Protein backbone atom coordinates (compact mmCIF):
# COMPACT_ATOMS: atom_id res chain seq x y z
CA MET A 1 3.18 -130.53 -82.23
CA ILE A 2 3.78 -127.24 -84.17
CA ARG A 3 1.91 -124.21 -82.92
CA HIS A 4 0.29 -121.99 -85.57
CA PRO A 5 2.07 -118.69 -86.17
CA PHE A 6 -0.95 -116.81 -85.41
CA HIS A 7 -1.02 -118.14 -81.84
CA PHE A 8 2.68 -117.12 -81.69
CA TYR A 9 2.02 -113.60 -82.67
CA LEU A 10 -0.99 -113.24 -80.64
CA SER A 11 0.80 -114.14 -77.62
CA VAL A 12 3.72 -111.45 -78.37
CA VAL A 13 1.26 -108.77 -78.90
CA THR A 14 -0.66 -109.73 -75.62
CA VAL A 15 2.65 -109.37 -73.69
CA LEU A 16 3.32 -105.91 -75.09
CA LEU A 17 0.05 -104.62 -74.42
CA LEU A 18 0.30 -105.67 -70.88
CA LEU A 19 3.57 -103.86 -70.47
CA LEU A 20 1.97 -101.00 -72.01
CA LEU A 21 -0.89 -100.80 -69.80
CA SER A 22 1.20 -101.49 -66.58
CA SER A 23 3.26 -98.27 -67.59
CA CYS A 24 0.04 -96.26 -68.03
CA ASN A 25 -0.73 -96.99 -64.32
CA ASP A 26 2.65 -95.26 -63.30
CA GLN A 27 1.87 -92.19 -61.06
CA PRO A 28 2.55 -88.96 -63.40
CA SER A 29 5.51 -86.79 -62.56
CA GLU A 30 4.87 -83.55 -61.13
CA VAL A 31 5.43 -81.77 -64.27
CA GLY A 32 2.82 -84.05 -65.95
CA THR A 33 5.01 -85.99 -68.47
CA ASP A 34 8.46 -87.62 -68.52
CA ILE A 35 11.64 -85.73 -69.95
CA TRP A 36 14.13 -87.31 -72.15
CA PRO A 37 17.39 -86.82 -70.05
CA ASP A 38 19.54 -86.60 -73.09
CA THR A 39 17.67 -83.55 -74.58
CA VAL A 40 16.65 -81.32 -71.90
CA THR A 41 17.39 -80.64 -68.40
CA LEU A 42 14.89 -80.34 -65.63
CA HIS A 43 15.44 -77.55 -62.63
CA SER A 44 13.47 -76.80 -59.55
CA ILE A 45 13.58 -73.68 -57.68
CA SER A 46 11.55 -72.33 -54.68
CA THR A 47 11.56 -69.58 -52.19
CA SER A 48 13.03 -72.08 -49.55
CA ASP A 49 16.45 -71.78 -51.22
CA THR A 50 16.26 -68.70 -53.28
CA SER A 51 15.19 -65.21 -53.10
CA LEU A 52 12.44 -64.98 -55.54
CA PHE A 53 10.63 -61.80 -54.28
CA SER A 54 12.54 -58.54 -54.38
CA SER A 55 10.05 -56.58 -52.22
CA THR A 56 6.66 -56.57 -50.94
CA SER A 57 4.62 -53.63 -49.61
CA ASN A 58 1.10 -52.47 -49.03
CA ASP A 59 -0.69 -50.39 -51.46
CA THR A 60 -4.13 -48.37 -51.92
CA LYS A 61 -5.73 -48.02 -55.22
CA ARG A 62 -8.60 -45.50 -55.28
CA PHE A 63 -11.45 -45.68 -57.29
CA GLY A 64 -15.30 -44.66 -57.17
CA LEU A 65 -17.60 -46.79 -55.45
CA PHE A 66 -20.58 -45.47 -57.81
CA ARG A 67 -24.13 -46.89 -58.33
CA LEU A 68 -23.09 -50.43 -57.20
CA GLY A 69 -26.53 -51.46 -55.53
CA GLY A 70 -24.93 -50.85 -52.01
CA LEU A 71 -23.77 -47.91 -49.96
CA LEU A 72 -21.28 -48.03 -47.25
CA LEU A 73 -21.77 -45.57 -44.06
CA GLY A 74 -19.93 -45.64 -40.85
CA LYS A 75 -16.46 -45.72 -38.90
CA TYR A 76 -14.35 -48.43 -37.27
CA GLU A 77 -10.93 -48.58 -36.37
CA GLY A 78 -9.63 -45.57 -38.28
CA ILE A 79 -11.76 -46.66 -41.51
CA THR A 80 -14.34 -43.94 -42.41
CA ALA A 81 -17.08 -44.42 -45.01
CA ILE A 82 -19.06 -41.48 -46.35
CA THR A 83 -22.21 -41.71 -48.69
CA PHE A 84 -23.21 -39.10 -51.27
CA VAL A 85 -26.82 -39.12 -52.53
CA ARG A 86 -28.34 -37.23 -55.28
CA PHE A 87 -31.95 -37.14 -56.35
CA THR A 88 -32.94 -37.00 -59.99
CA ASN A 89 -36.79 -37.21 -60.07
CA ILE A 90 -37.41 -33.87 -58.31
CA PRO A 91 -40.48 -32.13 -59.60
CA ASP A 92 -39.93 -28.82 -61.37
CA THR A 93 -43.34 -27.34 -60.49
CA LEU A 94 -43.11 -27.10 -56.79
CA ASN A 95 -41.30 -23.86 -56.00
CA TYR A 96 -44.44 -22.48 -54.60
CA VAL A 97 -43.92 -24.71 -51.38
CA THR A 98 -42.88 -23.08 -48.52
CA GLU A 99 -41.40 -24.62 -45.18
CA ASN A 100 -44.57 -23.88 -43.32
CA ASP A 101 -46.52 -25.98 -45.84
CA ILE A 102 -44.19 -28.86 -45.28
CA GLN A 103 -45.33 -31.50 -42.62
CA GLU A 104 -42.78 -34.01 -42.95
CA CYS A 105 -39.27 -34.28 -44.48
CA THR A 106 -37.63 -37.74 -44.28
CA LEU A 107 -34.51 -39.57 -45.63
CA GLU A 108 -35.00 -43.25 -45.97
CA LEU A 109 -32.28 -46.02 -46.31
CA THR A 110 -32.87 -49.58 -46.56
CA PRO A 111 -30.29 -51.78 -44.53
CA GLN A 112 -28.65 -54.81 -46.38
CA ARG A 113 -27.44 -57.78 -44.31
CA TYR A 114 -23.84 -56.72 -44.09
CA SER A 115 -21.84 -54.96 -41.25
CA TYR A 116 -18.18 -54.58 -40.38
CA GLY A 117 -17.01 -53.49 -37.19
CA ASP A 118 -18.40 -53.84 -33.55
CA THR A 119 -21.32 -56.05 -34.21
CA ASN A 120 -22.09 -56.38 -30.38
CA THR A 121 -23.24 -52.71 -29.86
CA ASN A 122 -23.77 -51.83 -33.50
CA LEU A 123 -23.74 -47.92 -32.73
CA LEU A 124 -24.20 -45.73 -35.77
CA GLU A 125 -24.15 -42.09 -35.85
CA PHE A 126 -24.17 -39.67 -38.84
CA THR A 127 -25.00 -36.24 -40.04
CA VAL A 128 -26.43 -35.16 -43.03
CA HIS A 129 -24.98 -32.02 -45.15
CA ARG A 130 -25.63 -30.35 -48.43
CA ILE A 131 -22.72 -30.90 -51.06
CA ASN A 132 -21.03 -27.96 -52.52
CA ASN A 133 -19.11 -29.41 -55.38
CA GLN A 134 -19.84 -31.61 -58.35
CA TRP A 135 -19.05 -35.12 -58.09
CA PHE A 136 -19.29 -38.15 -60.62
CA ASN A 137 -18.41 -41.73 -61.00
CA GLN A 138 -14.51 -41.07 -60.53
CA THR A 139 -14.75 -39.19 -57.29
CA THR A 140 -12.97 -40.95 -54.66
CA TRP A 141 -11.96 -39.89 -50.96
CA ASP A 142 -8.95 -38.09 -52.49
CA SER A 143 -11.29 -35.98 -54.38
CA ILE A 144 -13.16 -34.88 -51.42
CA VAL A 145 -10.24 -33.83 -49.41
CA ASP A 146 -8.57 -31.76 -52.12
CA PRO A 147 -7.78 -28.45 -50.83
CA SER A 148 -8.86 -26.74 -53.87
CA LYS A 149 -12.42 -27.92 -53.39
CA GLN A 150 -12.95 -27.25 -49.65
CA PRO A 151 -15.41 -27.40 -48.03
CA PHE A 152 -16.63 -30.32 -50.44
CA TYR A 153 -19.92 -30.18 -48.29
CA THR A 154 -21.36 -27.78 -45.97
CA SER A 155 -20.43 -27.85 -42.11
CA GLN A 156 -23.99 -27.19 -41.35
CA GLN A 157 -26.03 -30.16 -40.42
CA PHE A 158 -29.40 -30.60 -42.06
CA GLY A 159 -30.27 -33.92 -40.07
CA SER A 160 -28.66 -36.59 -38.08
CA PHE A 161 -29.25 -40.01 -36.66
CA SER A 162 -27.95 -41.76 -33.61
CA GLY A 163 -28.87 -45.40 -32.67
CA THR A 164 -28.14 -48.98 -33.14
CA SER A 165 -28.28 -50.47 -36.96
CA THR A 166 -27.66 -54.45 -37.06
CA SER A 167 -27.16 -56.81 -40.01
CA LYS A 168 -30.72 -58.30 -39.04
CA ASP A 169 -32.58 -54.97 -39.61
CA THR A 170 -34.95 -54.92 -42.51
CA LEU A 171 -36.97 -51.81 -41.96
CA PRO A 172 -35.67 -48.60 -43.38
CA LEU A 173 -33.83 -46.30 -41.34
CA LYS A 174 -35.60 -42.81 -41.24
CA VAL A 175 -33.74 -39.70 -40.79
CA ALA A 176 -35.71 -36.38 -40.15
CA ILE A 177 -34.33 -33.64 -42.76
CA ASP A 178 -34.50 -30.06 -42.26
CA LYS A 179 -37.36 -28.48 -44.34
CA SER A 180 -35.21 -26.07 -45.87
CA ILE A 181 -33.62 -28.72 -48.12
CA ALA A 182 -36.73 -29.56 -49.44
CA THR A 183 -37.88 -26.00 -50.54
CA GLU A 184 -34.27 -25.34 -51.96
CA PHE A 185 -34.34 -28.61 -54.05
CA PHE A 186 -37.85 -27.56 -55.41
CA ASP A 187 -36.38 -23.82 -56.22
CA LEU A 188 -33.31 -25.28 -58.05
CA GLN A 189 -35.32 -27.56 -60.04
CA SER A 190 -37.72 -25.07 -61.22
CA ASP A 191 -34.93 -23.15 -62.89
CA THR A 192 -33.03 -24.98 -65.82
CA ASN A 193 -29.82 -23.07 -65.15
CA LYS A 194 -29.76 -23.84 -61.39
CA ARG A 195 -30.92 -27.31 -61.23
CA LYS A 196 -27.41 -28.58 -62.13
CA THR A 197 -25.97 -27.02 -59.10
CA ASN A 198 -27.94 -29.41 -56.82
CA TYR A 199 -25.33 -31.60 -55.92
CA GLY A 200 -27.29 -33.64 -53.21
CA LEU A 201 -26.78 -34.68 -49.75
CA ALA A 202 -23.40 -36.19 -48.01
CA LEU A 203 -24.00 -38.49 -45.08
CA VAL A 204 -21.03 -38.33 -42.49
CA PRO A 205 -20.51 -40.54 -39.86
CA ASN A 206 -19.25 -39.15 -36.26
CA GLY A 207 -19.42 -39.38 -32.58
CA ASN A 208 -19.17 -42.94 -31.10
CA THR A 209 -19.91 -44.69 -34.35
CA ASN A 210 -18.20 -48.12 -34.14
CA ILE A 211 -19.67 -49.98 -36.99
CA ILE A 212 -20.00 -49.72 -40.68
CA ARG A 213 -23.34 -50.48 -42.41
CA ARG A 214 -24.19 -51.07 -46.00
CA PHE A 215 -27.54 -49.88 -47.34
CA SER A 216 -29.38 -50.54 -50.68
CA THR A 217 -29.57 -48.45 -53.65
CA LYS A 218 -29.55 -48.09 -57.36
CA SER A 219 -27.44 -50.58 -59.32
CA LEU A 220 -26.28 -50.05 -62.80
CA SER A 221 -27.02 -53.63 -63.39
CA SER A 222 -30.56 -53.90 -62.01
CA ALA A 223 -33.57 -51.75 -62.66
CA ASP A 224 -35.27 -52.78 -59.34
CA GLN A 225 -36.37 -49.45 -57.55
CA SER A 226 -37.61 -50.88 -54.38
CA ASN A 227 -34.74 -50.37 -52.36
CA TYR A 228 -33.50 -47.09 -53.48
CA VAL A 229 -32.69 -44.20 -51.11
CA PHE A 230 -35.60 -42.21 -50.98
CA PHE A 231 -36.42 -38.60 -49.84
CA ARG A 232 -40.07 -38.22 -48.77
CA VAL A 233 -41.79 -35.11 -48.39
CA VAL A 234 -45.39 -34.32 -47.09
CA PHE A 235 -46.82 -31.08 -47.60
CA ARG A 236 -50.11 -29.13 -47.76
CA ASN A 237 -50.55 -28.43 -51.36
CA GLN A 238 -51.77 -24.76 -51.56
CA ARG A 239 -52.97 -25.43 -55.15
CA LYS A 240 -55.24 -28.37 -53.91
CA ASN A 241 -57.09 -26.53 -51.26
CA ASN A 242 -54.38 -27.28 -48.60
CA ALA A 243 -54.92 -31.08 -49.15
CA LEU A 244 -52.05 -33.24 -48.00
CA ASP A 245 -49.75 -34.29 -50.77
CA THR A 246 -46.67 -36.69 -50.71
CA ILE A 247 -43.52 -36.64 -53.02
CA VAL A 248 -41.02 -39.38 -53.03
CA MET A 249 -37.72 -38.65 -54.66
CA GLU A 250 -35.38 -41.67 -55.26
CA SER A 251 -31.71 -41.65 -55.56
CA GLY A 252 -30.61 -41.44 -59.15
CA VAL A 253 -26.86 -41.21 -58.51
CA ASP A 254 -25.07 -42.17 -55.36
CA ALA A 255 -21.62 -43.38 -54.23
CA SER A 256 -19.44 -44.15 -51.24
CA MET A 257 -15.95 -42.89 -50.43
CA VAL A 258 -13.97 -44.84 -47.93
CA ASN A 259 -10.70 -44.07 -46.48
CA ASP A 260 -8.36 -45.87 -43.88
CA ALA A 261 -6.13 -43.63 -41.70
CA ALA A 262 -4.74 -46.51 -39.62
CA PRO A 263 -0.87 -46.99 -40.26
CA LYS A 264 0.07 -49.97 -42.17
CA ASN A 265 2.58 -52.58 -40.91
CA ASN A 266 4.58 -53.67 -44.34
CA GLN A 267 5.83 -56.95 -42.39
CA ASN A 268 2.27 -58.00 -43.04
CA LEU A 269 0.24 -57.90 -46.57
CA ILE A 270 -3.05 -56.52 -46.26
CA VAL A 271 -6.01 -57.22 -48.70
CA GLN A 272 -9.18 -55.23 -47.70
CA GLY A 273 -12.15 -54.45 -50.10
CA SER A 274 -13.89 -51.04 -50.86
CA LEU A 275 -10.85 -49.37 -49.54
CA MET A 276 -8.96 -51.20 -52.09
CA ASN A 277 -6.05 -52.02 -49.81
CA ARG A 278 -4.03 -54.46 -51.55
CA ALA A 279 -0.27 -56.02 -51.52
CA LYS A 280 2.16 -55.25 -53.96
CA ILE A 281 4.25 -58.06 -55.02
CA GLU A 282 7.65 -57.63 -57.00
CA PHE A 283 9.06 -60.58 -58.47
CA ASP A 284 12.64 -61.41 -59.60
CA LEU A 285 12.99 -64.69 -61.34
CA SER A 286 15.95 -63.41 -63.50
CA MET A 287 18.09 -66.55 -62.32
CA ILE A 288 15.81 -68.59 -64.89
CA PRO A 289 16.92 -68.69 -68.40
CA ASN A 290 14.58 -66.35 -70.60
CA ASP A 291 13.49 -69.12 -73.03
CA ALA A 292 12.64 -71.72 -70.22
CA PHE A 293 9.80 -73.79 -70.52
CA ILE A 294 7.77 -73.55 -67.08
CA HIS A 295 6.11 -76.87 -66.31
CA TYR A 296 4.91 -75.70 -62.96
CA ALA A 297 4.48 -72.47 -61.08
CA GLN A 298 2.70 -72.36 -57.76
CA LEU A 299 2.28 -69.36 -55.46
CA SER A 300 1.11 -69.57 -51.87
CA PHE A 301 0.26 -67.38 -48.91
CA GLU A 302 -0.34 -67.87 -45.21
CA ARG A 303 -3.09 -65.94 -43.56
CA ASN A 304 -2.41 -64.07 -40.24
CA GLU A 305 -5.61 -65.03 -38.64
CA ALA A 306 -5.07 -62.80 -35.51
CA GLU A 307 -4.74 -59.81 -37.90
CA SER A 308 -7.57 -60.54 -40.20
CA LYS A 309 -11.22 -59.41 -39.65
CA GLY A 310 -14.21 -60.29 -41.56
CA GLY A 311 -17.60 -58.52 -41.61
CA THR A 312 -20.94 -60.65 -41.07
CA ASN A 313 -20.35 -62.77 -43.93
CA GLY A 314 -16.96 -63.93 -42.67
CA ILE A 315 -13.48 -63.84 -43.68
CA ASP A 316 -12.82 -63.95 -47.59
CA GLU A 317 -12.15 -67.44 -48.50
CA THR A 318 -10.98 -66.35 -52.27
CA ILE A 319 -8.51 -63.88 -53.21
CA GLY A 320 -7.07 -62.73 -56.55
CA LEU A 321 -3.57 -62.16 -57.89
CA ALA A 322 -3.89 -59.17 -60.40
CA TYR A 323 -1.60 -58.15 -63.24
CA TYR A 324 -1.68 -55.01 -65.02
CA ALA A 325 0.26 -54.38 -68.01
CA ASN A 326 0.67 -50.75 -66.40
CA PRO A 327 1.14 -51.26 -62.75
CA ASP A 328 -0.06 -47.68 -62.35
CA ASP A 329 -3.20 -48.28 -64.22
CA ALA A 330 -6.33 -46.68 -62.41
CA SER A 331 -8.54 -49.43 -64.08
CA ILE A 332 -10.55 -51.64 -61.85
CA THR A 333 -10.10 -54.63 -64.39
CA PRO A 334 -6.69 -56.17 -64.32
CA THR A 335 -5.06 -57.41 -67.57
CA ARG A 336 -4.86 -60.87 -66.02
CA LEU A 337 -6.52 -62.33 -62.82
CA PHE A 338 -5.57 -65.45 -61.14
CA LEU A 339 -7.60 -66.84 -58.11
CA ALA A 340 -6.69 -68.65 -54.97
CA GLN A 341 -8.87 -70.22 -52.59
CA ARG A 342 -7.99 -71.28 -48.81
CA THR A 343 -7.24 -74.91 -48.37
CA ALA A 344 -9.60 -76.45 -46.10
CA ASN A 345 -8.51 -76.77 -42.42
CA THR A 346 -5.50 -74.37 -43.09
CA GLN A 347 -4.50 -70.90 -43.27
CA THR A 348 -3.20 -71.27 -46.85
CA TYR A 349 -4.35 -69.55 -49.86
CA THR A 350 -2.81 -70.96 -52.96
CA PHE A 351 -2.59 -69.99 -56.66
CA LYS A 352 -2.18 -73.21 -58.28
CA SER A 353 -0.69 -72.16 -61.36
CA ILE A 354 0.94 -68.67 -62.56
CA VAL A 355 2.82 -70.46 -65.22
CA SER A 356 1.70 -67.99 -67.98
CA LEU A 357 2.69 -64.99 -65.82
CA VAL A 358 6.14 -66.36 -64.99
CA GLU A 359 6.75 -67.23 -68.69
CA GLN A 360 5.47 -63.72 -69.73
CA TRP A 361 7.92 -62.07 -67.29
CA LEU A 362 10.80 -64.31 -68.59
CA ARG A 363 10.14 -63.51 -72.26
CA TYR A 364 9.53 -59.99 -72.12
CA SER A 365 10.96 -58.16 -68.81
CA ASN A 366 14.00 -60.37 -68.04
CA GLY A 367 12.31 -62.52 -65.09
CA LYS A 368 11.06 -59.21 -63.35
CA GLY A 369 7.36 -58.30 -62.79
CA ILE A 370 4.75 -56.80 -60.32
CA ALA A 371 1.53 -58.34 -59.39
CA PHE A 372 -1.22 -57.50 -56.73
CA LEU A 373 -2.83 -59.46 -54.26
CA GLU A 374 -6.53 -57.96 -54.30
CA PRO A 375 -9.77 -58.62 -52.72
CA GLU A 376 -12.28 -60.30 -55.25
CA GLY A 377 -15.94 -60.78 -55.87
CA ALA A 378 -18.37 -58.98 -53.75
CA SER A 379 -15.59 -57.99 -51.20
CA LYS A 380 -13.68 -55.89 -53.93
CA LEU A 381 -16.31 -53.23 -53.80
CA LEU A 382 -19.02 -53.88 -51.30
CA GLU A 383 -17.22 -55.39 -48.39
CA ILE A 384 -14.57 -54.21 -45.96
CA ASP A 385 -13.30 -57.51 -44.83
CA LYS A 386 -9.61 -57.52 -43.96
CA VAL A 387 -7.55 -60.41 -44.94
CA THR A 388 -3.92 -60.14 -43.54
CA PHE A 389 -0.97 -62.45 -44.81
CA TYR A 390 2.21 -62.87 -43.40
CA GLY A 391 5.18 -61.18 -45.45
CA ILE A 392 8.68 -61.84 -46.51
CA GLN A 393 9.88 -60.54 -43.53
CA SER A 394 8.00 -62.81 -41.19
CA PRO A 395 10.24 -64.08 -38.29
CA ASP A 396 8.79 -67.56 -39.05
CA SER A 397 10.06 -68.59 -42.27
CA THR A 398 7.37 -70.88 -42.61
CA LYS A 399 4.62 -68.62 -42.91
CA ARG A 400 6.37 -66.34 -45.54
CA PRO A 401 4.90 -66.36 -49.17
CA SER A 402 6.12 -69.38 -51.18
CA LEU A 403 6.79 -69.67 -54.80
CA LYS A 404 7.91 -72.97 -56.37
CA ILE A 405 8.80 -73.35 -59.97
CA ILE A 406 9.82 -76.37 -62.09
CA TYR A 407 11.47 -75.48 -65.62
CA SER A 408 13.50 -77.24 -68.23
CA SER A 409 15.79 -76.08 -70.80
CA ARG A 410 17.98 -77.56 -73.37
CA PRO A 411 21.58 -77.83 -72.58
CA GLY A 412 23.56 -74.87 -73.99
CA PHE A 413 20.54 -73.12 -75.08
CA GLY A 414 19.02 -70.02 -73.41
CA ARG A 415 21.77 -69.76 -70.75
CA ARG A 416 22.34 -66.02 -69.47
């Protein structure tokens, strides 16, 4: 019997479709596509067999923690956090008020649920001083220790606090302030030429302080006034038959300055917020052709758990790899930013793809470049959590930073 031609062609098409579908079920290659061997060559390179980091070191980037919605205050293991507060709604008609009129003069700080340090004893001690110098959003720790501006704040104390402050506290922390501060504020504010010399108050930790606490304050991104730093003055008003009157001044400008005096061990790489301790990574990929096509570039770091310490929110699970077109750029915002999360049940943080960064270095800087491991998110500015990673000199080679690259190039082209 003769088969109809249509049935024959249908059988052929069916077989071809089955073959095609079976090939689609094959596992994809690591680079995501098959490469024709007669046109390109595939290469793999990694830190397990090649030195791809020319050096690593710890670096600190200074910037002002200005009007962020939180203020850091305290000391712990060489870290010191000082807070500056300036009040902007001071009445300009109260220069007649004397110290004898004042019944109460109090600074009020509302705690947030964040602490870093000894959370068993939670001991916080600080003193209050009048600031002598102008400061603004670019003021950093380096600014306040500048010899040409000394003393930046008075040595004389105008108030002090000594007690415990835990991350569970919600009621305002109240500090009695010398009455002379209130009368000075009123006098300066009544004179349009002198009011600009009222630089506010400095809160400086001292004594046996072993905790760094965060307090609420004004934020550039929020109009909520409920948790500002307040300066409350209760006085007998001579012009109201000595009736009790209350003035509540709120912080209009405030900032924290943080410093770490502890020596850094360059064998480890340190990432720590607020201080902006970060790790400088210098790459040398010059052995890769500059016109290579990068299929895969994965960068990993192993956390040194014993040398890491988190605040009450725990150790950061996310870090950033920041690239700046100018590595000395003082900007807080990098040109490019890559994020890595800790892999579950491990101490490994992995940047799954830095392909674009590798290609940029190959095309424009002969395969050499600099990037920084930095804190990310809230930790960048308002937390001091310390994440420590093993460096390239770690005795245990399995814990050193790891970079794996797969690339292709056409034979005879792009070779150095």
